[in-house]
Amino acid sequence: MFSHALARAFGLGAVAALALAPVGAMAARDPAYAAARAAGQVGEKPDGYLAALGGGSSVSALVDDLNIKRRAAYTSEARTQSVTVDQVAFVAGCRNILRTVAGEKYQAPDGTWQTRTSAAPIRDSRCP
């Protein structure tokens, strides 16, 4: 059942990208987020959310705020596509990890934290 529903979620394509663009755009404009990401204090998780990997309470608060905004965007998209929030978040996580650049942190499917190199990131085999 999850596989069938996941396949539907992968069909989100451009619609998901458009729906989630404001979240990424907001984060990109925040110098604190950009600095924390570049310093390896923030990492992308396969579930579509961010993790604070250091930097203290200010980074944790920033990550919490961005995750709330991501959840709202995922919820809206899930309603539009008639899929679950988790399915939308998973697809976003696949995309967000793929979009990391060298030096940024992401969580591999086995739960380990990796630093992106010039090579492709290690992603879940179910990622599109």
N, C-alpha and C. Protein backbone atom coordinates (compact mmCIF):
# COMPACT_ATOMS: atom_id res chain seq x y z
N MET A 1 0.82 -1.19 0.00
CA MET A 1 0.00 0.00 0.00
C MET A 1 0.86 1.26 0.00
N PHE A 2 1.90 1.28 0.83
CA PHE A 2 2.76 2.44 0.88
C PHE A 2 3.41 2.68 -0.48
N SER A 3 3.82 1.60 -1.17
CA SER A 3 4.48 1.74 -2.46
C SER A 3 3.56 2.41 -3.47
N HIS A 4 2.29 1.99 -3.51
CA HIS A 4 1.34 2.60 -4.43
C HIS A 4 1.13 4.08 -4.09
N ALA A 5 0.95 4.36 -2.84
CA ALA A 5 0.74 5.74 -2.42
C ALA A 5 2.00 6.57 -2.65
N LEU A 6 3.16 5.96 -2.44
CA LEU A 6 4.41 6.67 -2.65
C LEU A 6 4.57 7.00 -4.13
N ALA A 7 4.18 6.07 -4.99
CA ALA A 7 4.26 6.33 -6.42
C ALA A 7 3.40 7.53 -6.80
N ARG A 8 2.22 7.64 -6.18
CA ARG A 8 1.37 8.81 -6.42
C ARG A 8 2.06 10.07 -5.95
N ALA A 9 2.72 9.99 -4.79
CA ALA A 9 3.42 11.16 -4.25
C ALA A 9 4.55 11.60 -5.17
N PHE A 10 5.23 10.64 -5.80
CA PHE A 10 6.31 10.99 -6.72
C PHE A 10 5.77 11.74 -7.93
N GLY A 11 4.49 11.61 -8.19
CA GLY A 11 3.88 12.33 -9.28
C GLY A 11 3.69 13.82 -9.00
N LEU A 12 4.07 14.25 -7.81
CA LEU A 12 3.91 15.65 -7.45
C LEU A 12 4.72 16.57 -8.35
N GLY A 13 5.91 16.13 -8.72
CA GLY A 13 6.76 16.85 -9.67
C GLY A 13 6.82 18.33 -9.48
N ALA A 14 6.48 19.04 -10.55
CA ALA A 14 6.60 20.49 -10.57
C ALA A 14 5.64 21.15 -9.59
N VAL A 15 4.50 20.54 -9.35
CA VAL A 15 3.54 21.12 -8.42
C VAL A 15 4.15 21.21 -7.02
N ALA A 16 4.80 20.15 -6.58
CA ALA A 16 5.44 20.16 -5.26
C ALA A 16 6.55 21.19 -5.22
N ALA A 17 7.31 21.27 -6.29
CA ALA A 17 8.41 22.24 -6.32
C ALA A 17 7.87 23.65 -6.19
N LEU A 18 6.76 23.94 -6.87
CA LEU A 18 6.17 25.27 -6.78
C LEU A 18 5.60 25.53 -5.40
N ALA A 19 4.95 24.54 -4.83
CA ALA A 19 4.33 24.71 -3.52
C ALA A 19 5.37 24.89 -2.43
N LEU A 20 6.51 24.26 -2.58
CA LEU A 20 7.53 24.30 -1.55
C LEU A 20 8.58 25.38 -1.79
N ALA A 21 8.55 26.03 -2.93
CA ALA A 21 9.54 27.06 -3.25
C ALA A 21 9.58 28.19 -2.23
N PRO A 22 8.44 28.69 -1.73
CA PRO A 22 8.52 29.79 -0.76
C PRO A 22 9.30 29.43 0.50
N VAL A 23 9.22 28.20 0.95
CA VAL A 23 9.96 27.79 2.15
C VAL A 23 11.45 27.90 1.89
N GLY A 24 11.91 27.37 0.76
CA GLY A 24 13.32 27.45 0.41
C GLY A 24 13.76 28.88 0.18
N ALA A 25 12.92 29.66 -0.45
CA ALA A 25 13.26 31.05 -0.72
C ALA A 25 13.40 31.84 0.58
N MET A 26 12.51 31.59 1.54
CA MET A 26 12.60 32.28 2.83
C MET A 26 13.91 31.93 3.53
N ALA A 27 14.25 30.65 3.51
CA ALA A 27 15.47 30.21 4.18
C ALA A 27 16.69 30.79 3.49
N ALA A 28 16.67 30.85 2.17
CA ALA A 28 17.81 31.35 1.42
C ALA A 28 18.07 32.82 1.72
N ARG A 29 17.06 33.56 2.06
CA ARG A 29 17.22 34.98 2.37
C ARG A 29 17.72 35.22 3.78
N ASP A 30 17.68 34.24 4.63
CA ASP A 30 18.08 34.40 6.02
C ASP A 30 19.57 34.14 6.15
N PRO A 31 20.38 35.16 6.43
CA PRO A 31 21.82 34.96 6.54
C PRO A 31 22.20 34.00 7.67
N ALA A 32 21.42 33.95 8.74
CA ALA A 32 21.71 33.04 9.85
C ALA A 32 21.57 31.59 9.39
N TYR A 33 20.55 31.31 8.60
CA TYR A 33 20.35 29.96 8.07
C TYR A 33 21.49 29.59 7.12
N ALA A 34 21.83 30.49 6.22
CA ALA A 34 22.91 30.22 5.26
C ALA A 34 24.23 29.97 5.99
N ALA A 35 24.50 30.74 7.02
CA ALA A 35 25.74 30.58 7.78
C ALA A 35 25.76 29.25 8.53
N ALA A 36 24.63 28.90 9.15
CA ALA A 36 24.55 27.65 9.90
C ALA A 36 24.67 26.45 8.96
N ARG A 37 24.07 26.55 7.81
CA ARG A 37 24.15 25.45 6.82
C ARG A 37 25.59 25.30 6.33
N ALA A 38 26.23 26.41 6.00
CA ALA A 38 27.62 26.37 5.52
C ALA A 38 28.57 25.86 6.60
N ALA A 39 28.26 26.12 7.86
CA ALA A 39 29.11 25.70 8.98
C ALA A 39 28.83 24.25 9.41
N GLY A 40 27.89 23.59 8.75
CA GLY A 40 27.56 22.21 9.10
C GLY A 40 26.74 22.10 10.37
N GLN A 41 26.08 23.18 10.77
CA GLN A 41 25.26 23.18 11.98
C GLN A 41 23.81 22.80 11.68
N VAL A 42 23.47 22.71 10.40
CA VAL A 42 22.12 22.35 9.96
C VAL A 42 22.27 21.29 8.88
N GLY A 43 21.42 20.27 8.93
CA GLY A 43 21.47 19.22 7.92
C GLY A 43 20.09 18.84 7.43
N GLU A 44 20.04 18.39 6.18
CA GLU A 44 18.80 17.91 5.58
C GLU A 44 18.56 16.46 5.96
N LYS A 45 17.33 16.14 6.32
CA LYS A 45 16.97 14.77 6.68
C LYS A 45 16.11 14.15 5.58
N PRO A 46 16.14 12.83 5.44
CA PRO A 46 15.33 12.16 4.40
C PRO A 46 13.83 12.37 4.57
N ASP A 47 13.40 12.72 5.77
CA ASP A 47 11.96 12.90 6.00
C ASP A 47 11.46 14.28 5.60
N GLY A 48 12.34 15.09 4.97
CA GLY A 48 11.91 16.40 4.48
C GLY A 48 12.12 17.55 5.45
N TYR A 49 12.65 17.26 6.61
CA TYR A 49 12.84 18.29 7.62
C TYR A 49 14.33 18.52 7.87
N LEU A 50 14.63 19.58 8.59
CA LEU A 50 16.00 19.93 8.95
C LEU A 50 16.33 19.42 10.33
N ALA A 51 17.61 19.28 10.60
CA ALA A 51 18.09 18.93 11.93
C ALA A 51 19.15 19.95 12.33
N ALA A 52 19.14 20.32 13.60
CA ALA A 52 20.20 21.17 14.15
C ALA A 52 21.32 20.25 14.59
N LEU A 53 22.51 20.47 14.08
CA LEU A 53 23.65 19.61 14.38
C LEU A 53 24.69 20.33 15.22
N GLY A 54 24.35 21.47 15.70
CA GLY A 54 25.27 22.27 16.51
C GLY A 54 24.83 23.71 16.46
N GLY A 55 25.60 24.58 17.08
CA GLY A 55 25.28 26.00 17.01
C GLY A 55 24.41 26.53 18.12
N GLY A 56 24.02 25.67 19.03
CA GLY A 56 23.28 26.13 20.19
C GLY A 56 21.82 26.42 19.95
N SER A 57 21.25 27.15 20.90
CA SER A 57 19.81 27.39 20.89
C SER A 57 19.35 28.26 19.73
N SER A 58 20.20 29.16 19.25
CA SER A 58 19.78 30.02 18.14
C SER A 58 19.58 29.19 16.87
N VAL A 59 20.46 28.23 16.63
CA VAL A 59 20.31 27.37 15.46
C VAL A 59 19.10 26.45 15.65
N SER A 60 18.93 25.92 16.85
CA SER A 60 17.76 25.07 17.12
C SER A 60 16.45 25.82 16.90
N ALA A 61 16.40 27.06 17.32
CA ALA A 61 15.19 27.87 17.13
C ALA A 61 14.95 28.14 15.65
N LEU A 62 16.01 28.40 14.91
CA LEU A 62 15.90 28.63 13.47
C LEU A 62 15.39 27.38 12.77
N VAL A 63 15.95 26.23 13.12
CA VAL A 63 15.53 24.96 12.52
C VAL A 63 14.07 24.66 12.88
N ASP A 64 13.69 24.88 14.11
CA ASP A 64 12.29 24.65 14.52
C ASP A 64 11.34 25.51 13.68
N ASP A 65 11.69 26.78 13.51
CA ASP A 65 10.85 27.70 12.74
C ASP A 65 10.73 27.25 11.29
N LEU A 66 11.86 26.87 10.68
CA LEU A 66 11.82 26.41 9.29
C LEU A 66 11.05 25.10 9.15
N ASN A 67 11.18 24.22 10.12
CA ASN A 67 10.44 22.95 10.06
C ASN A 67 8.94 23.17 10.18
N ILE A 68 8.53 24.13 10.98
CA ILE A 68 7.11 24.48 11.08
C ILE A 68 6.60 24.97 9.73
N LYS A 69 7.39 25.80 9.06
CA LYS A 69 6.99 26.32 7.74
C LYS A 69 6.97 25.20 6.71
N ARG A 70 7.94 24.31 6.78
CA ARG A 70 7.94 23.17 5.85
C ARG A 70 6.71 22.30 6.08
N ARG A 71 6.40 22.02 7.33
CA ARG A 71 5.24 21.18 7.64
C ARG A 71 3.96 21.80 7.08
N ALA A 72 3.83 23.11 7.20
CA ALA A 72 2.64 23.80 6.67
C ALA A 72 2.57 23.66 5.15
N ALA A 73 3.71 23.82 4.48
CA ALA A 73 3.74 23.68 3.02
C ALA A 73 3.43 22.24 2.61
N TYR A 74 3.99 21.27 3.33
CA TYR A 74 3.73 19.86 3.02
C TYR A 74 2.26 19.52 3.24
N THR A 75 1.67 20.05 4.30
CA THR A 75 0.26 19.79 4.61
C THR A 75 -0.64 20.34 3.51
N SER A 76 -0.33 21.54 3.06
CA SER A 76 -1.12 22.14 1.98
C SER A 76 -1.00 21.33 0.71
N GLU A 77 0.21 20.91 0.36
CA GLU A 77 0.41 20.12 -0.85
C GLU A 77 -0.25 18.76 -0.73
N ALA A 78 -0.20 18.15 0.44
CA ALA A 78 -0.83 16.84 0.64
C ALA A 78 -2.33 16.92 0.40
N ARG A 79 -2.94 17.99 0.87
CA ARG A 79 -4.38 18.17 0.64
C ARG A 79 -4.67 18.29 -0.86
N THR A 80 -3.86 19.08 -1.55
CA THR A 80 -4.04 19.30 -2.99
C THR A 80 -3.90 18.00 -3.77
N GLN A 81 -2.93 17.17 -3.39
CA GLN A 81 -2.62 15.95 -4.13
C GLN A 81 -3.34 14.70 -3.59
N SER A 82 -4.09 14.85 -2.51
CA SER A 82 -4.78 13.72 -1.87
C SER A 82 -3.82 12.59 -1.50
N VAL A 83 -2.69 12.98 -0.90
CA VAL A 83 -1.72 12.04 -0.36
C VAL A 83 -1.43 12.45 1.07
N THR A 84 -0.61 11.68 1.77
CA THR A 84 -0.31 12.02 3.16
C THR A 84 0.80 13.08 3.24
N VAL A 85 0.82 13.75 4.36
CA VAL A 85 1.87 14.74 4.62
C VAL A 85 3.24 14.05 4.60
N ASP A 86 3.33 12.86 5.16
CA ASP A 86 4.60 12.12 5.18
C ASP A 86 5.09 11.80 3.77
N GLN A 87 4.17 11.51 2.86
CA GLN A 87 4.57 11.22 1.49
C GLN A 87 5.15 12.46 0.81
N VAL A 88 4.49 13.59 1.00
CA VAL A 88 4.99 14.84 0.43
C VAL A 88 6.34 15.18 1.06
N ALA A 89 6.46 15.02 2.36
CA ALA A 89 7.71 15.33 3.06
C ALA A 89 8.84 14.44 2.57
N PHE A 90 8.56 13.14 2.35
CA PHE A 90 9.58 12.22 1.87
C PHE A 90 10.11 12.66 0.50
N VAL A 91 9.21 12.99 -0.41
CA VAL A 91 9.62 13.43 -1.75
C VAL A 91 10.45 14.71 -1.63
N ALA A 92 10.03 15.62 -0.76
CA ALA A 92 10.79 16.86 -0.54
C ALA A 92 12.16 16.54 0.04
N GLY A 93 12.22 15.58 0.96
CA GLY A 93 13.51 15.19 1.53
C GLY A 93 14.46 14.66 0.47
N CYS A 94 13.94 13.83 -0.44
CA CYS A 94 14.76 13.33 -1.55
C CYS A 94 15.32 14.49 -2.35
N ARG A 95 14.46 15.43 -2.68
CA ARG A 95 14.87 16.59 -3.49
C ARG A 95 15.84 17.49 -2.73
N ASN A 96 15.56 17.74 -1.46
CA ASN A 96 16.42 18.63 -0.68
C ASN A 96 17.82 18.06 -0.49
N ILE A 97 17.90 16.76 -0.28
CA ILE A 97 19.22 16.12 -0.14
C ILE A 97 19.97 16.20 -1.47
N LEU A 98 19.27 15.98 -2.56
CA LEU A 98 19.91 16.06 -3.88
C LEU A 98 20.43 17.47 -4.15
N ARG A 99 19.76 18.48 -3.62
CA ARG A 99 20.15 19.87 -3.84
C ARG A 99 21.25 20.38 -2.90
N THR A 100 21.68 19.57 -1.95
CA THR A 100 22.78 20.02 -1.11
C THR A 100 24.01 20.21 -1.98
N VAL A 101 24.92 21.05 -1.50
CA VAL A 101 26.17 21.30 -2.23
C VAL A 101 27.34 20.85 -1.38
N ALA A 102 28.49 20.75 -2.00
CA ALA A 102 29.69 20.30 -1.29
C ALA A 102 29.88 21.09 0.00
N GLY A 103 30.12 20.34 1.08
CA GLY A 103 30.34 20.94 2.40
C GLY A 103 29.12 20.95 3.28
N GLU A 104 27.93 20.75 2.71
CA GLU A 104 26.70 20.76 3.50
C GLU A 104 26.41 19.36 4.04
N LYS A 105 25.67 19.31 5.13
CA LYS A 105 25.36 18.06 5.81
C LYS A 105 24.00 17.52 5.38
N TYR A 106 23.92 16.19 5.33
CA TYR A 106 22.65 15.52 5.08
C TYR A 106 22.70 14.16 5.77
N GLN A 107 21.52 13.62 6.03
CA GLN A 107 21.43 12.33 6.69
C GLN A 107 21.22 11.24 5.64
N ALA A 108 22.10 10.24 5.67
CA ALA A 108 22.00 9.09 4.75
C ALA A 108 20.88 8.17 5.23
N PRO A 109 20.41 7.28 4.36
CA PRO A 109 19.34 6.34 4.74
C PRO A 109 19.66 5.50 5.98
N ASP A 110 20.94 5.25 6.24
CA ASP A 110 21.29 4.44 7.42
C ASP A 110 21.33 5.26 8.71
N GLY A 111 21.00 6.55 8.61
CA GLY A 111 20.94 7.42 9.79
C GLY A 111 22.22 8.18 10.09
N THR A 112 23.30 7.89 9.37
CA THR A 112 24.56 8.60 9.61
C THR A 112 24.52 9.97 8.94
N TRP A 113 25.23 10.90 9.54
CA TRP A 113 25.33 12.23 8.96
C TRP A 113 26.52 12.27 8.03
N GLN A 114 26.30 12.75 6.84
CA GLN A 114 27.32 12.82 5.80
C GLN A 114 27.58 14.28 5.44
N THR A 115 28.78 14.55 4.99
CA THR A 115 29.10 15.86 4.44
C THR A 115 29.15 15.69 2.93
N ARG A 116 28.38 16.46 2.24
CA ARG A 116 28.30 16.35 0.78
C ARG A 116 29.65 16.66 0.16
N THR A 117 30.02 15.85 -0.79
CA THR A 117 31.22 16.07 -1.58
C THR A 117 30.76 16.41 -3.00
N SER A 118 31.66 16.37 -3.95
CA SER A 118 31.27 16.60 -5.33
C SER A 118 30.49 15.41 -5.91
N ALA A 119 30.56 14.28 -5.22
CA ALA A 119 29.80 13.10 -5.65
C ALA A 119 28.32 13.24 -5.28
N ALA A 120 27.51 12.44 -5.91
CA ALA A 120 26.08 12.44 -5.59
C ALA A 120 25.87 11.99 -4.15
N PRO A 121 24.88 12.56 -3.47
CA PRO A 121 24.62 12.14 -2.09
C PRO A 121 24.03 10.74 -2.04
N ILE A 122 24.15 10.11 -0.89
CA ILE A 122 23.55 8.79 -0.66
C ILE A 122 22.09 9.04 -0.29
N ARG A 123 21.17 8.53 -1.12
CA ARG A 123 19.75 8.75 -0.86
C ARG A 123 19.02 7.44 -0.77
N ASP A 124 17.81 7.51 -0.22
CA ASP A 124 16.93 6.35 -0.11
C ASP A 124 16.68 5.77 -1.50
N SER A 125 16.68 4.45 -1.60
CA SER A 125 16.47 3.79 -2.89
C SER A 125 15.09 4.08 -3.48
N ARG A 126 14.16 4.54 -2.65
CA ARG A 126 12.81 4.87 -3.13
C ARG A 126 12.72 6.26 -3.71
N CYS A 127 13.79 7.06 -3.62
CA CYS A 127 13.76 8.42 -4.15
C CYS A 127 13.65 8.39 -5.68
N PRO A 128 12.88 9.35 -6.18
CA PRO A 128 12.75 9.42 -7.66
C PRO A 128 14.04 9.90 -8.30
